[in-house]
Amino acid sequence: MDNENSLAVKADEQTEKKEALVEIQHIKKYFPIKGGILKRTVGHVKAVDDVTLSVMKGETLGIVGESGSGKSTLGRVILRLLEPTEGKILFEKNDISHLGSRKMRAYRKNMQIVFQDPFASLNSKMSVGELVEEPLLVQTPATKAERKEIAIELLEKVGLRASDRDKYPHEFSGGQRQRISIARALALNPKFIICDEPVSALDVSIQAQVLNLMKDLQDELGLTYLFIAHDLSVVKHISDRVAVMYLGRIAEIAPKSAIYEHPLHPYTKALLSSIPVVDTEENNRNKKEKMKLQGDLPSPANPPSGCTFRTRCPLAHERCTVERPELKEIDDGHFVACHLYK
């Protein structure tokens, strides 16, 4: 067994030896760049570039990183909304990487997504009842009366009223529309939900309500979440483990406490340094050294050689320019891809 495969096995065994619900192995997603009169492929945008990780049953795995780091693309590839360029996607140990639409349909019941913008993801011409009932109409033999009963139950479960079933998305606030999206995602009783920045478009007070709702639903229904966000304080509130992505690759992955209290990768430290802190005497006593990022995120169409973070890293050295760091376990369940650690 080579080093990368042994790493994948060790990563799968972390988090208290829980069983993995979703596993991705060496996933890549490249988008072709067309050029010239004949529109030939002249390059590729490497949105996701060799990612291996597991999501354990019942946990929330947070994925953080700057815009353009590949977080949302990774989520869509896992659900097969985008086809992977390379790699494997396993759901409950079953390889779904290349299943046809008919065979994939059976798995879609258990894999749902809540999008960032609830107004854009909800059809404005359909009533709330029609929106929530549509998955049932497509995937189950439920009668019209049964679908109505399930829709009302789901709306009440997410904090809305039965009478809201006859209204339309434009009649609701942003937070209420996101609750409708969550009810729709729950319609088929899924095991796994990808949350793609589900609260980033909401007011802070509403964010807390939606996050608490999601945690309550997870406890009640035994859900597993992949929670994508760029707000580290939101991820800290809801996640059990956190993976940090940079330019299509995993820079660091660890239990939440390790990431926030003992970050290892310079990029993770820089992200945590960007979180605003209230200037109080206690915070000043516990103040940690700040690490500032240099320059802008490089183009995923032409990523730097070696360590892709080296062009912005204040600790980069010669080895970083020629050798890509592997994701290695430094502490129990704490993996980092950085040449600073042996």
C-alpha atoms as a PDB file:
ATOM      1  CA  MET A   1       0.000   0.000   0.000  1.00  0.00           C
ATOM      2  CA  ASP A   2       1.462   3.370  -1.016  1.00  0.00           C
ATOM      3  CA  ASN A   3       1.711   6.374   1.274  1.00  0.00           C
ATOM      4  CA  GLU A   4      -1.367   8.171  -0.109  1.00  0.00           C
ATOM      5  CA  ASN A   5      -3.584   5.108   0.293  1.00  0.00           C
ATOM      6  CA  SER A   6      -2.354   4.528   3.847  1.00  0.00           C
ATOM      7  CA  LEU A   7      -3.126   8.193   4.575  1.00  0.00           C
ATOM      8  CA  ALA A   8      -6.699   7.737   3.335  1.00  0.00           C
ATOM      9  CA  VAL A   9      -7.122   4.701   5.586  1.00  0.00           C
ATOM     10  CA  LYS A  10      -5.817   6.597   8.630  1.00  0.00           C
ATOM     11  CA  ALA A  11      -8.076   9.558   7.869  1.00  0.00           C
ATOM     12  CA  ASP A  12     -11.070   7.227   7.667  1.00  0.00           C
ATOM     13  CA  GLU A  13     -10.252   5.786  11.110  1.00  0.00           C
ATOM     14  CA  GLN A  14     -10.231   9.134  12.892  1.00  0.00           C
ATOM     15  CA  THR A  15     -13.017  10.817  14.901  1.00  0.00           C
ATOM     16  CA  GLU A  16     -13.495   8.143  17.555  1.00  0.00           C
ATOM     17  CA  LYS A  17     -13.450   5.317  15.009  1.00  0.00           C
ATOM     18  CA  LYS A  18     -16.917   6.248  13.738  1.00  0.00           C
ATOM     19  CA  GLU A  19     -18.111   4.669  10.538  1.00  0.00           C
ATOM     20  CA  ALA A  20     -17.816   6.823   7.429  1.00  0.00           C
ATOM     21  CA  LEU A  21     -21.037   7.690   5.626  1.00  0.00           C
ATOM     22  CA  VAL A  22     -19.347   9.492   2.722  1.00  0.00           C
ATOM     23  CA  GLU A  23     -15.783   8.985   1.513  1.00  0.00           C
ATOM     24  CA  ILE A  24     -14.040  10.758  -1.332  1.00  0.00           C
ATOM     25  CA  GLN A  25     -10.707   9.531  -2.625  1.00  0.00           C
ATOM     26  CA  HIS A  26      -8.339  11.661  -4.727  1.00  0.00           C
ATOM     27  CA  ILE A  27     -11.184  13.697  -6.214  1.00  0.00           C
ATOM     28  CA  LYS A  28     -10.308  16.139  -8.987  1.00  0.00           C
ATOM     29  CA  LYS A  29     -12.578  18.504 -10.882  1.00  0.00           C
ATOM     30  CA  TYR A  30     -11.005  20.360 -13.790  1.00  0.00           C
ATOM     31  CA  PHE A  31     -12.951  22.739 -16.031  1.00  0.00           C
ATOM     32  CA  PRO A  32     -11.582  23.093 -19.580  1.00  0.00           C
ATOM     33  CA  ILE A  33     -10.498  26.494 -20.890  1.00  0.00           C
ATOM     34  CA  LYS A  34     -11.399  26.957 -24.540  1.00  0.00           C
ATOM     35  CA  GLY A  35      -9.454  29.250 -26.869  1.00  0.00           C
ATOM     36  CA  GLY A  36      -8.910  30.113 -30.498  1.00  0.00           C
ATOM     37  CA  ILE A  37     -11.283  30.042 -33.455  1.00  0.00           C
ATOM     38  CA  LEU A  38     -11.786  26.287 -33.129  1.00  0.00           C
ATOM     39  CA  LYS A  39     -12.441  26.560 -29.378  1.00  0.00           C
ATOM     40  CA  ARG A  40      -9.853  23.962 -28.522  1.00  0.00           C
ATOM     41  CA  THR A  41      -8.931  23.179 -24.918  1.00  0.00           C
ATOM     42  CA  VAL A  42      -5.889  25.294 -24.050  1.00  0.00           C
ATOM     43  CA  GLY A  43      -5.821  24.663 -20.299  1.00  0.00           C
ATOM     44  CA  HIS A  44      -7.853  23.717 -17.241  1.00  0.00           C
ATOM     45  CA  VAL A  45      -9.197  25.455 -14.160  1.00  0.00           C
ATOM     46  CA  LYS A  46      -8.247  23.113 -11.310  1.00  0.00           C
ATOM     47  CA  ALA A  47     -11.214  23.818  -9.041  1.00  0.00           C
ATOM     48  CA  VAL A  48     -10.690  20.678  -6.941  1.00  0.00           C
ATOM     49  CA  ASP A  49      -7.240  19.121  -7.114  1.00  0.00           C
ATOM     50  CA  ASP A  50      -6.783  15.731  -5.410  1.00  0.00           C
ATOM     51  CA  VAL A  51      -8.945  15.827  -2.271  1.00  0.00           C
ATOM     52  CA  THR A  52      -9.328  12.831   0.049  1.00  0.00           C
ATOM     53  CA  LEU A  53     -11.555  12.972   3.141  1.00  0.00           C
ATOM     54  CA  SER A  54     -14.395  11.204   4.960  1.00  0.00           C
ATOM     55  CA  VAL A  55     -17.594  12.404   6.589  1.00  0.00           C
ATOM     56  CA  MET A  56     -18.569  10.263   9.573  1.00  0.00           C
ATOM     57  CA  LYS A  57     -22.141   9.263  10.375  1.00  0.00           C
ATOM     58  CA  GLY A  58     -23.874  11.815  12.573  1.00  0.00           C
ATOM     59  CA  GLU A  59     -21.127  14.444  12.452  1.00  0.00           C
ATOM     60  CA  THR A  60     -20.880  17.895  10.927  1.00  0.00           C
ATOM     61  CA  LEU A  61     -17.736  18.410   8.864  1.00  0.00           C
ATOM     62  CA  GLY A  62     -17.132  22.083   8.195  1.00  0.00           C
ATOM     63  CA  ILE A  63     -15.216  23.207   5.107  1.00  0.00           C
ATOM     64  CA  VAL A  64     -13.749  26.696   5.154  1.00  0.00           C
ATOM     65  CA  GLY A  65     -11.593  28.772   2.853  1.00  0.00           C
ATOM     66  CA  GLU A  66     -11.578  31.932   0.777  1.00  0.00           C
ATOM     67  CA  SER A  67     -13.879  32.430  -2.191  1.00  0.00           C
ATOM     68  CA  GLY A  68     -12.407  30.464  -5.086  1.00  0.00           C
ATOM     69  CA  SER A  69     -10.872  27.741  -2.916  1.00  0.00           C
ATOM     70  CA  GLY A  70     -13.159  25.041  -4.387  1.00  0.00           C
ATOM     71  CA  LYS A  71     -15.521  24.452  -1.444  1.00  0.00           C
ATOM     72  CA  SER A  72     -18.817  24.645  -3.325  1.00  0.00           C
ATOM     73  CA  THR A  73     -17.452  22.756  -6.316  1.00  0.00           C
ATOM     74  CA  LEU A  74     -16.384  19.926  -4.015  1.00  0.00           C
ATOM     75  CA  GLY A  75     -19.887  19.757  -2.529  1.00  0.00           C
ATOM     76  CA  ARG A  76     -21.506  19.576  -5.956  1.00  0.00           C
ATOM     77  CA  VAL A  77     -19.086  16.870  -7.087  1.00  0.00           C
ATOM     78  CA  ILE A  78     -19.901  14.744  -4.018  1.00  0.00           C
ATOM     79  CA  LEU A  79     -23.599  14.904  -4.946  1.00  0.00           C
ATOM     80  CA  ARG A  80     -22.778  14.233  -8.604  1.00  0.00           C
ATOM     81  CA  LEU A  81     -24.322  17.554  -9.624  1.00  0.00           C
ATOM     82  CA  LEU A  82     -20.928  17.949 -11.301  1.00  0.00           C
ATOM     83  CA  GLU A  83     -19.079  14.954 -12.685  1.00  0.00           C
ATOM     84  CA  PRO A  84     -15.633  14.316 -11.145  1.00  0.00           C
ATOM     85  CA  THR A  85     -12.649  14.467 -13.485  1.00  0.00           C
ATOM     86  CA  GLU A  86     -10.868  11.785 -11.434  1.00  0.00           C
ATOM     87  CA  GLY A  87     -11.298   9.951  -8.146  1.00  0.00           C
ATOM     88  CA  LYS A  88     -13.914   7.960  -6.260  1.00  0.00           C
ATOM     89  CA  ILE A  89     -17.032   8.916  -4.303  1.00  0.00           C
ATOM     90  CA  LEU A  90     -18.297   6.305  -1.845  1.00  0.00           C
ATOM     91  CA  PHE A  91     -21.659   6.484  -0.088  1.00  0.00           C
ATOM     92  CA  GLU A  92     -22.073   3.835   2.616  1.00  0.00           C
ATOM     93  CA  LYS A  93     -19.119   1.983   1.017  1.00  0.00           C
ATOM     94  CA  ASN A  94     -20.841   1.926  -2.407  1.00  0.00           C
ATOM     95  CA  ASP A  95     -18.977   3.540  -5.308  1.00  0.00           C
ATOM     96  CA  ILE A  96     -21.304   6.098  -6.911  1.00  0.00           C
ATOM     97  CA  SER A  97     -18.616   7.889  -8.938  1.00  0.00           C
ATOM     98  CA  HIS A  98     -19.822   6.771 -12.357  1.00  0.00           C
ATOM     99  CA  LEU A  99     -23.375   5.533 -11.835  1.00  0.00           C
ATOM    100  CA  GLY A 100     -25.890   6.338 -14.558  1.00  0.00           C
ATOM    101  CA  SER A 101     -28.842   8.609 -13.808  1.00  0.00           C
ATOM    102  CA  ARG A 102     -31.225   5.680 -13.220  1.00  0.00           C
ATOM    103  CA  LYS A 103     -29.007   3.944 -10.641  1.00  0.00           C
ATOM    104  CA  MET A 104     -27.960   7.256  -9.107  1.00  0.00           C
ATOM    105  CA  ARG A 105     -31.592   8.170  -8.486  1.00  0.00           C
ATOM    106  CA  ALA A 106     -31.833   5.629  -5.657  1.00  0.00           C
ATOM    107  CA  TYR A 107     -28.986   7.379  -3.818  1.00  0.00           C
ATOM    108  CA  ARG A 108     -30.338  10.890  -4.306  1.00  0.00           C
ATOM    109  CA  LYS A 109     -33.037  10.235  -1.703  1.00  0.00           C
ATOM    110  CA  ASN A 110     -30.303  10.081   0.925  1.00  0.00           C
ATOM    111  CA  MET A 111     -28.151  12.962  -0.374  1.00  0.00           C
ATOM    112  CA  GLN A 112     -29.627  16.466  -0.385  1.00  0.00           C
ATOM    113  CA  ILE A 113     -28.359  20.049  -0.526  1.00  0.00           C
ATOM    114  CA  VAL A 114     -29.353  23.412   0.949  1.00  0.00           C
ATOM    115  CA  PHE A 115     -28.111  26.231  -1.284  1.00  0.00           C
ATOM    116  CA  GLN A 116     -26.748  29.629  -0.299  1.00  0.00           C
ATOM    117  CA  ASP A 117     -29.491  31.791  -1.798  1.00  0.00           C
ATOM    118  CA  PRO A 118     -32.949  30.463  -0.866  1.00  0.00           C
ATOM    119  CA  PHE A 119     -34.735  32.888  -3.175  1.00  0.00           C
ATOM    120  CA  ALA A 120     -32.775  31.700  -6.228  1.00  0.00           C
ATOM    121  CA  SER A 121     -33.103  28.000  -5.317  1.00  0.00           C
ATOM    122  CA  LEU A 122     -36.901  28.126  -4.855  1.00  0.00           C
ATOM    123  CA  ASN A 123     -39.149  28.348  -7.922  1.00  0.00           C
ATOM    124  CA  SER A 124     -41.087  31.593  -7.472  1.00  0.00           C
ATOM    125  CA  LYS A 125     -44.017  30.231  -9.528  1.00  0.00           C
ATOM    126  CA  MET A 126     -44.613  27.310  -7.163  1.00  0.00           C
ATOM    127  CA  SER A 127     -46.327  27.521  -3.791  1.00  0.00           C
ATOM    128  CA  VAL A 128     -44.474  26.424  -0.682  1.00  0.00           C
ATOM    129  CA  GLY A 129     -46.580  23.267  -0.554  1.00  0.00           C
ATOM    130  CA  GLU A 130     -45.689  22.402  -4.151  1.00  0.00           C
ATOM    131  CA  LEU A 131     -42.003  23.056  -3.493  1.00  0.00           C
ATOM    132  CA  VAL A 132     -41.860  20.794  -0.435  1.00  0.00           C
ATOM    133  CA  GLU A 133     -44.018  18.090  -2.024  1.00  0.00           C
ATOM    134  CA  GLU A 134     -42.129  17.962  -5.348  1.00  0.00           C
ATOM    135  CA  PRO A 135     -39.413  15.526  -4.119  1.00  0.00           C
ATOM    136  CA  LEU A 136     -42.168  13.239  -2.807  1.00  0.00           C
ATOM    137  CA  LEU A 137     -43.961  13.390  -6.144  1.00  0.00           C
ATOM    138  CA  VAL A 138     -40.789  12.403  -8.014  1.00  0.00           C
ATOM    139  CA  GLN A 139     -39.341   9.806  -5.648  1.00  0.00           C
ATOM    140  CA  THR A 140     -42.239   8.196  -3.748  1.00  0.00           C
ATOM    141  CA  PRO A 141     -45.651   6.628  -4.433  1.00  0.00           C
ATOM    142  CA  ALA A 142     -47.311   8.859  -1.803  1.00  0.00           C
ATOM    143  CA  THR A 143     -50.845  10.028  -2.583  1.00  0.00           C
ATOM    144  CA  LYS A 144     -51.807  13.713  -2.820  1.00  0.00           C
ATOM    145  CA  ALA A 145     -53.299  13.639   0.682  1.00  0.00           C
ATOM    146  CA  GLU A 146     -50.197  11.961   2.092  1.00  0.00           C
ATOM    147  CA  ARG A 147     -47.913  14.497   0.402  1.00  0.00           C
ATOM    148  CA  LYS A 148     -49.952  17.350   1.876  1.00  0.00           C
ATOM    149  CA  GLU A 149     -49.764  15.832   5.353  1.00  0.00           C
ATOM    150  CA  ILE A 150     -45.980  15.324   5.099  1.00  0.00           C
ATOM    151  CA  ALA A 151     -45.465  18.891   3.808  1.00  0.00           C
ATOM    152  CA  ILE A 152     -47.422  20.397   6.703  1.00  0.00           C
ATOM    153  CA  GLU A 153     -45.470  18.279   9.194  1.00  0.00           C
ATOM    154  CA  LEU A 154     -42.161  19.397   7.684  1.00  0.00           C
ATOM    155  CA  LEU A 155     -43.124  23.073   7.658  1.00  0.00           C
ATOM    156  CA  GLU A 156     -44.071  22.891  11.329  1.00  0.00           C
ATOM    157  CA  LYS A 157     -40.842  21.020  12.085  1.00  0.00           C
ATOM    158  CA  VAL A 158     -38.764  23.924  10.683  1.00  0.00           C
ATOM    159  CA  GLY A 159     -40.747  26.555  12.562  1.00  0.00           C
ATOM    160  CA  LEU A 160     -43.343  27.593   9.979  1.00  0.00           C
ATOM    161  CA  ARG A 161     -47.153  27.251  10.032  1.00  0.00           C
ATOM    162  CA  ALA A 162     -49.422  24.875   8.165  1.00  0.00           C
ATOM    163  CA  SER A 163     -51.102  27.874   6.497  1.00  0.00           C
ATOM    164  CA  ASP A 164     -47.767  28.846   4.929  1.00  0.00           C
ATOM    165  CA  ARG A 165     -48.208  25.900   2.549  1.00  0.00           C
ATOM    166  CA  ASP A 166     -50.414  27.998   0.239  1.00  0.00           C
ATOM    167  CA  LYS A 167     -48.073  31.001   0.078  1.00  0.00           C
ATOM    168  CA  TYR A 168     -45.271  31.757  -2.390  1.00  0.00           C
ATOM    169  CA  PRO A 169     -41.531  32.322  -1.718  1.00  0.00           C
ATOM    170  CA  HIS A 170     -41.703  36.106  -2.265  1.00  0.00           C
ATOM    171  CA  GLU A 171     -44.081  36.407   0.699  1.00  0.00           C
ATOM    172  CA  PHE A 172     -41.387  35.293   3.159  1.00  0.00           C
ATOM    173  CA  SER A 173     -38.267  36.800   4.682  1.00  0.00           C
ATOM    174  CA  GLY A 174     -34.796  35.430   3.879  1.00  0.00           C
ATOM    175  CA  GLY A 175     -34.676  33.348   7.049  1.00  0.00           C
ATOM    176  CA  GLN A 176     -38.125  31.906   6.407  1.00  0.00           C
ATOM    177  CA  ARG A 177     -37.194  31.034   2.816  1.00  0.00           C
ATOM    178  CA  GLN A 178     -34.151  29.172   4.078  1.00  0.00           C
ATOM    179  CA  ARG A 179     -36.423  27.236   6.446  1.00  0.00           C
ATOM    180  CA  ILE A 180     -38.510  26.262   3.413  1.00  0.00           C
ATOM    181  CA  SER A 181     -35.335  25.067   1.672  1.00  0.00           C
ATOM    182  CA  ILE A 182     -34.462  22.957   4.717  1.00  0.00           C
ATOM    183  CA  ALA A 183     -37.982  21.467   4.798  1.00  0.00           C
ATOM    184  CA  ARG A 184     -37.658  20.589   1.107  1.00  0.00           C
ATOM    185  CA  ALA A 185     -34.265  18.945   1.732  1.00  0.00           C
ATOM    186  CA  LEU A 186     -35.804  16.869   4.552  1.00  0.00           C
ATOM    187  CA  ALA A 187     -38.788  15.696   2.487  1.00  0.00           C
ATOM    188  CA  LEU A 188     -37.222  12.355   1.525  1.00  0.00           C
ATOM    189  CA  ASN A 189     -35.784  11.679   4.990  1.00  0.00           C
ATOM    190  CA  PRO A 190     -32.126  11.878   3.827  1.00  0.00           C
ATOM    191  CA  LYS A 191     -29.071  10.716   5.732  1.00  0.00           C
ATOM    192  CA  PHE A 192     -26.640  13.299   4.348  1.00  0.00           C
ATOM    193  CA  ILE A 193     -27.143  17.014   3.645  1.00  0.00           C
ATOM    194  CA  ILE A 194     -24.623  19.403   2.097  1.00  0.00           C
ATOM    195  CA  CYS A 195     -25.148  22.922   3.423  1.00  0.00           C
ATOM    196  CA  ASP A 196     -23.568  25.332   0.923  1.00  0.00           C
ATOM    197  CA  GLU A 197     -23.156  28.590   2.867  1.00  0.00           C
ATOM    198  CA  PRO A 198     -26.804  28.355   4.024  1.00  0.00           C
ATOM    199  CA  VAL A 199     -26.704  31.381   6.347  1.00  0.00           C
ATOM    200  CA  SER A 200     -24.264  33.747   4.607  1.00  0.00           C
ATOM    201  CA  ALA A 201     -27.098  35.763   3.012  1.00  0.00           C
ATOM    202  CA  LEU A 202     -28.990  36.171   6.303  1.00  0.00           C
ATOM    203  CA  ASP A 203     -28.846  38.734   9.099  1.00  0.00           C
ATOM    204  CA  VAL A 204     -26.718  37.734  12.090  1.00  0.00           C
ATOM    205  CA  SER A 205     -29.699  37.259  14.407  1.00  0.00           C
ATOM    206  CA  ILE A 206     -31.440  35.071  11.814  1.00  0.00           C
ATOM    207  CA  GLN A 207     -28.226  33.111  11.228  1.00  0.00           C
ATOM    208  CA  ALA A 208     -28.265  31.952  14.841  1.00  0.00           C
ATOM    209  CA  GLN A 209     -31.888  30.808  14.564  1.00  0.00           C
ATOM    210  CA  VAL A 210     -31.249  28.784  11.392  1.00  0.00           C
ATOM    211  CA  LEU A 211     -28.056  27.230  12.790  1.00  0.00           C
ATOM    212  CA  ASN A 212     -29.819  26.213  16.000  1.00  0.00           C
ATOM    213  CA  LEU A 213     -32.651  24.737  13.922  1.00  0.00           C
ATOM    214  CA  MET A 214     -30.161  22.690  11.906  1.00  0.00           C
ATOM    215  CA  LYS A 215     -28.468  21.378  15.054  1.00  0.00           C
ATOM    216  CA  ASP A 216     -31.824  20.423  16.573  1.00  0.00           C
ATOM    217  CA  LEU A 217     -32.824  18.602  13.389  1.00  0.00           C
ATOM    218  CA  GLN A 218     -29.497  16.783  13.342  1.00  0.00           C
ATOM    219  CA  ASP A 219     -30.018  15.537  16.898  1.00  0.00           C
ATOM    220  CA  GLU A 220     -33.631  14.561  16.236  1.00  0.00           C
ATOM    221  CA  LEU A 221     -33.183  12.885  12.846  1.00  0.00           C
ATOM    222  CA  GLY A 222     -29.582  11.640  13.036  1.00  0.00           C
ATOM    223  CA  LEU A 223     -28.455  13.740  10.079  1.00  0.00           C
ATOM    224  CA  THR A 224     -24.915  14.057   8.762  1.00  0.00           C
ATOM    225  CA  TYR A 225     -23.842  17.494   7.461  1.00  0.00           C
ATOM    226  CA  LEU A 226     -21.115  18.775   5.191  1.00  0.00           C
ATOM    227  CA  PHE A 227     -21.208  22.458   6.112  1.00  0.00           C
ATOM    228  CA  ILE A 228     -19.520  24.823   3.643  1.00  0.00           C
ATOM    229  CA  ALA A 229     -18.812  28.395   4.755  1.00  0.00           C
ATOM    230  CA  HIS A 230     -16.276  31.190   4.710  1.00  0.00           C
ATOM    231  CA  ASP A 231     -17.315  32.538   8.125  1.00  0.00           C
ATOM    232  CA  LEU A 232     -15.137  30.753  10.681  1.00  0.00           C
ATOM    233  CA  SER A 233     -17.310  31.771  13.637  1.00  0.00           C
ATOM    234  CA  VAL A 234     -20.328  30.082  12.016  1.00  0.00           C
ATOM    235  CA  VAL A 235     -18.321  26.913  11.320  1.00  0.00           C
ATOM    236  CA  LYS A 236     -17.066  26.879  14.916  1.00  0.00           C
ATOM    237  CA  HIS A 237     -20.636  26.990  16.195  1.00  0.00           C
ATOM    238  CA  ILE A 238     -21.946  24.007  14.235  1.00  0.00           C
ATOM    239  CA  SER A 239     -19.024  21.729  13.269  1.00  0.00           C
ATOM    240  CA  ASP A 240     -17.413  18.695  14.912  1.00  0.00           C
ATOM    241  CA  ARG A 241     -14.406  18.677  12.563  1.00  0.00           C
ATOM    242  CA  VAL A 242     -13.095  21.348  10.216  1.00  0.00           C
ATOM    243  CA  ALA A 243     -11.289  21.020   6.884  1.00  0.00           C
ATOM    244  CA  VAL A 244      -9.457  24.061   5.520  1.00  0.00           C
ATOM    245  CA  MET A 245      -9.294  24.314   1.718  1.00  0.00           C
ATOM    246  CA  TYR A 246      -6.892  26.402  -0.314  1.00  0.00           C
ATOM    247  CA  LEU A 247      -6.872  26.524  -4.119  1.00  0.00           C
ATOM    248  CA  GLY A 248      -8.626  23.191  -4.537  1.00  0.00           C
ATOM    249  CA  ARG A 249      -6.639  21.249  -1.925  1.00  0.00           C
ATOM    250  CA  ILE A 250      -6.988  20.402   1.758  1.00  0.00           C
ATOM    251  CA  ALA A 251      -4.462  22.384   3.792  1.00  0.00           C
ATOM    252  CA  GLU A 252      -5.520  21.123   7.226  1.00  0.00           C
ATOM    253  CA  ILE A 253      -8.221  18.946   8.774  1.00  0.00           C
ATOM    254  CA  ALA A 254      -8.767  18.325  12.477  1.00  0.00           C
ATOM    255  CA  PRO A 255     -11.348  18.291  15.288  1.00  0.00           C
ATOM    256  CA  LYS A 256     -12.855  21.743  15.836  1.00  0.00           C
ATOM    257  CA  SER A 257     -11.019  22.379  19.109  1.00  0.00           C
ATOM    258  CA  ALA A 258      -7.625  21.642  17.525  1.00  0.00           C
ATOM    259  CA  ILE A 259      -8.248  23.920  14.549  1.00  0.00           C
ATOM    260  CA  TYR A 260      -9.316  26.904  16.639  1.00  0.00           C
ATOM    261  CA  GLU A 261      -6.955  26.478  19.589  1.00  0.00           C
ATOM    262  CA  HIS A 262      -3.861  24.961  17.948  1.00  0.00           C
ATOM    263  CA  PRO A 263      -3.876  25.660  14.186  1.00  0.00           C
ATOM    264  CA  LEU A 264      -0.795  24.359  12.373  1.00  0.00           C
ATOM    265  CA  HIS A 265      -0.950  25.464   8.748  1.00  0.00           C
ATOM    266  CA  PRO A 266       0.050  29.105   8.110  1.00  0.00           C
ATOM    267  CA  TYR A 267      -3.086  29.559   5.990  1.00  0.00           C
ATOM    268  CA  THR A 268      -5.325  28.379   8.848  1.00  0.00           C
ATOM    269  CA  LYS A 269      -3.532  30.763  11.206  1.00  0.00           C
ATOM    270  CA  ALA A 270      -4.076  33.615   8.752  1.00  0.00           C
ATOM    271  CA  LEU A 271      -7.788  32.828   8.455  1.00  0.00           C
ATOM    272  CA  LEU A 272      -8.191  32.764  12.235  1.00  0.00           C
ATOM    273  CA  SER A 273      -6.229  36.014  12.526  1.00  0.00           C
ATOM    274  CA  SER A 274      -8.804  37.680  10.281  1.00  0.00           C
ATOM    275  CA  ILE A 275     -11.654  37.073  12.765  1.00  0.00           C
ATOM    276  CA  PRO A 276     -12.554  40.402  14.455  1.00  0.00           C
ATOM    277  CA  VAL A 277     -11.936  40.394  18.227  1.00  0.00           C
ATOM    278  CA  VAL A 278     -13.443  42.827  20.719  1.00  0.00           C
ATOM    279  CA  ASP A 279     -10.696  44.883  22.389  1.00  0.00           C
ATOM    280  CA  THR A 280     -11.069  43.866  26.048  1.00  0.00           C
ATOM    281  CA  GLU A 281      -8.530  43.305  28.811  1.00  0.00           C
ATOM    282  CA  GLU A 282      -9.108  39.535  28.762  1.00  0.00           C
ATOM    283  CA  ASN A 283      -8.746  39.322  24.978  1.00  0.00           C
ATOM    284  CA  ASN A 284      -5.569  41.386  25.122  1.00  0.00           C
ATOM    285  CA  ARG A 285      -4.076  38.965  27.668  1.00  0.00           C
ATOM    286  CA  ASN A 286      -4.914  35.981  25.448  1.00  0.00           C
ATOM    287  CA  LYS A 287      -4.001  37.691  22.203  1.00  0.00           C
ATOM    288  CA  LYS A 288      -2.138  35.431  19.771  1.00  0.00           C
ATOM    289  CA  GLU A 289       0.344  36.506  17.163  1.00  0.00           C
ATOM    290  CA  LYS A 290      -1.422  37.659  14.005  1.00  0.00           C
ATOM    291  CA  MET A 291      -0.474  36.256  10.601  1.00  0.00           C
ATOM    292  CA  LYS A 292      -1.376  38.343   7.580  1.00  0.00           C
ATOM    293  CA  LEU A 293      -1.846  37.024   4.064  1.00  0.00           C
ATOM    294  CA  GLN A 294       0.294  38.458   1.291  1.00  0.00           C
ATOM    295  CA  GLY A 295      -1.247  39.254  -2.119  1.00  0.00           C
ATOM    296  CA  ASP A 296      -4.268  37.664  -3.774  1.00  0.00           C
ATOM    297  CA  LEU A 297      -5.400  34.089  -4.330  1.00  0.00           C
ATOM    298  CA  PRO A 298      -3.497  32.693  -7.361  1.00  0.00           C
ATOM    299  CA  SER A 299      -5.446  31.574 -10.422  1.00  0.00           C
ATOM    300  CA  PRO A 300      -6.609  27.926 -10.250  1.00  0.00           C
ATOM    301  CA  ALA A 301      -5.886  27.807 -13.987  1.00  0.00           C
ATOM    302  CA  ASN A 302      -2.177  28.293 -13.251  1.00  0.00           C
ATOM    303  CA  PRO A 303      -1.488  27.340  -9.624  1.00  0.00           C
ATOM    304  CA  PRO A 304       2.025  27.800  -8.182  1.00  0.00           C
ATOM    305  CA  SER A 305       4.405  24.850  -8.258  1.00  0.00           C
ATOM    306  CA  GLY A 306       5.091  22.893  -5.086  1.00  0.00           C
ATOM    307  CA  CYS A 307       3.002  24.254  -2.225  1.00  0.00           C
ATOM    308  CA  THR A 308       0.243  26.362  -3.746  1.00  0.00           C
ATOM    309  CA  PHE A 309       0.207  28.614  -0.663  1.00  0.00           C
ATOM    310  CA  ARG A 310       3.920  29.498  -0.891  1.00  0.00           C
ATOM    311  CA  THR A 311       3.367  32.743  -2.860  1.00  0.00           C
ATOM    312  CA  ARG A 312       1.467  34.213   0.103  1.00  0.00           C
ATOM    313  CA  CYS A 313       3.161  32.428   3.002  1.00  0.00           C
ATOM    314  CA  PRO A 314       5.607  34.409   5.192  1.00  0.00           C
ATOM    315  CA  LEU A 315       7.256  31.121   6.266  1.00  0.00           C
ATOM    316  CA  ALA A 316       7.868  29.663   2.786  1.00  0.00           C
ATOM    317  CA  HIS A 317      11.331  28.276   2.004  1.00  0.00           C
ATOM    318  CA  GLU A 318      13.087  26.680  -0.973  1.00  0.00           C
ATOM    319  CA  ARG A 319      11.524  23.233  -0.558  1.00  0.00           C
ATOM    320  CA  CYS A 320       8.050  24.774  -0.852  1.00  0.00           C
ATOM    321  CA  THR A 321       8.741  25.870  -4.436  1.00  0.00           C
ATOM    322  CA  VAL A 322       9.555  22.397  -5.777  1.00  0.00           C
ATOM    323  CA  GLU A 323       7.737  19.826  -3.639  1.00  0.00           C
ATOM    324  CA  ARG A 324       4.038  19.565  -2.964  1.00  0.00           C
ATOM    325  CA  PRO A 325       3.438  18.840   0.754  1.00  0.00           C
ATOM    326  CA  GLU A 326       1.411  15.726   1.560  1.00  0.00           C
ATOM    327  CA  LEU A 327      -1.422  15.711   4.057  1.00  0.00           C
ATOM    328  CA  LYS A 328       0.155  14.076   7.131  1.00  0.00           C
ATOM    329  CA  GLU A 329      -1.128  13.252  10.602  1.00  0.00           C
ATOM    330  CA  ILE A 330       0.759  15.375  13.129  1.00  0.00           C
ATOM    331  CA  ASP A 331      -1.437  14.648  16.152  1.00  0.00           C
ATOM    332  CA  ASP A 332      -4.378  12.350  16.837  1.00  0.00           C
ATOM    333  CA  GLY A 333      -6.854  13.137  14.044  1.00  0.00           C
ATOM    334  CA  HIS A 334      -4.981  16.335  13.129  1.00  0.00           C
ATOM    335  CA  PHE A 335      -3.723  16.366   9.521  1.00  0.00           C
ATOM    336  CA  VAL A 336      -1.774  19.158   7.849  1.00  0.00           C
ATOM    337  CA  ALA A 337      -0.136  19.645   4.455  1.00  0.00           C
ATOM    338  CA  CYS A 338       2.923  21.760   5.253  1.00  0.00           C
ATOM    339  CA  HIS A 339       6.706  21.264   5.039  1.00  0.00           C
ATOM    340  CA  LEU A 340       7.114  22.940   8.442  1.00  0.00           C
ATOM    341  CA  TYR A 341       6.012  19.686  10.075  1.00  0.00           C
ATOM    342  CA  LYS A 342       7.762  16.337   9.742  1.00  0.00           C
END
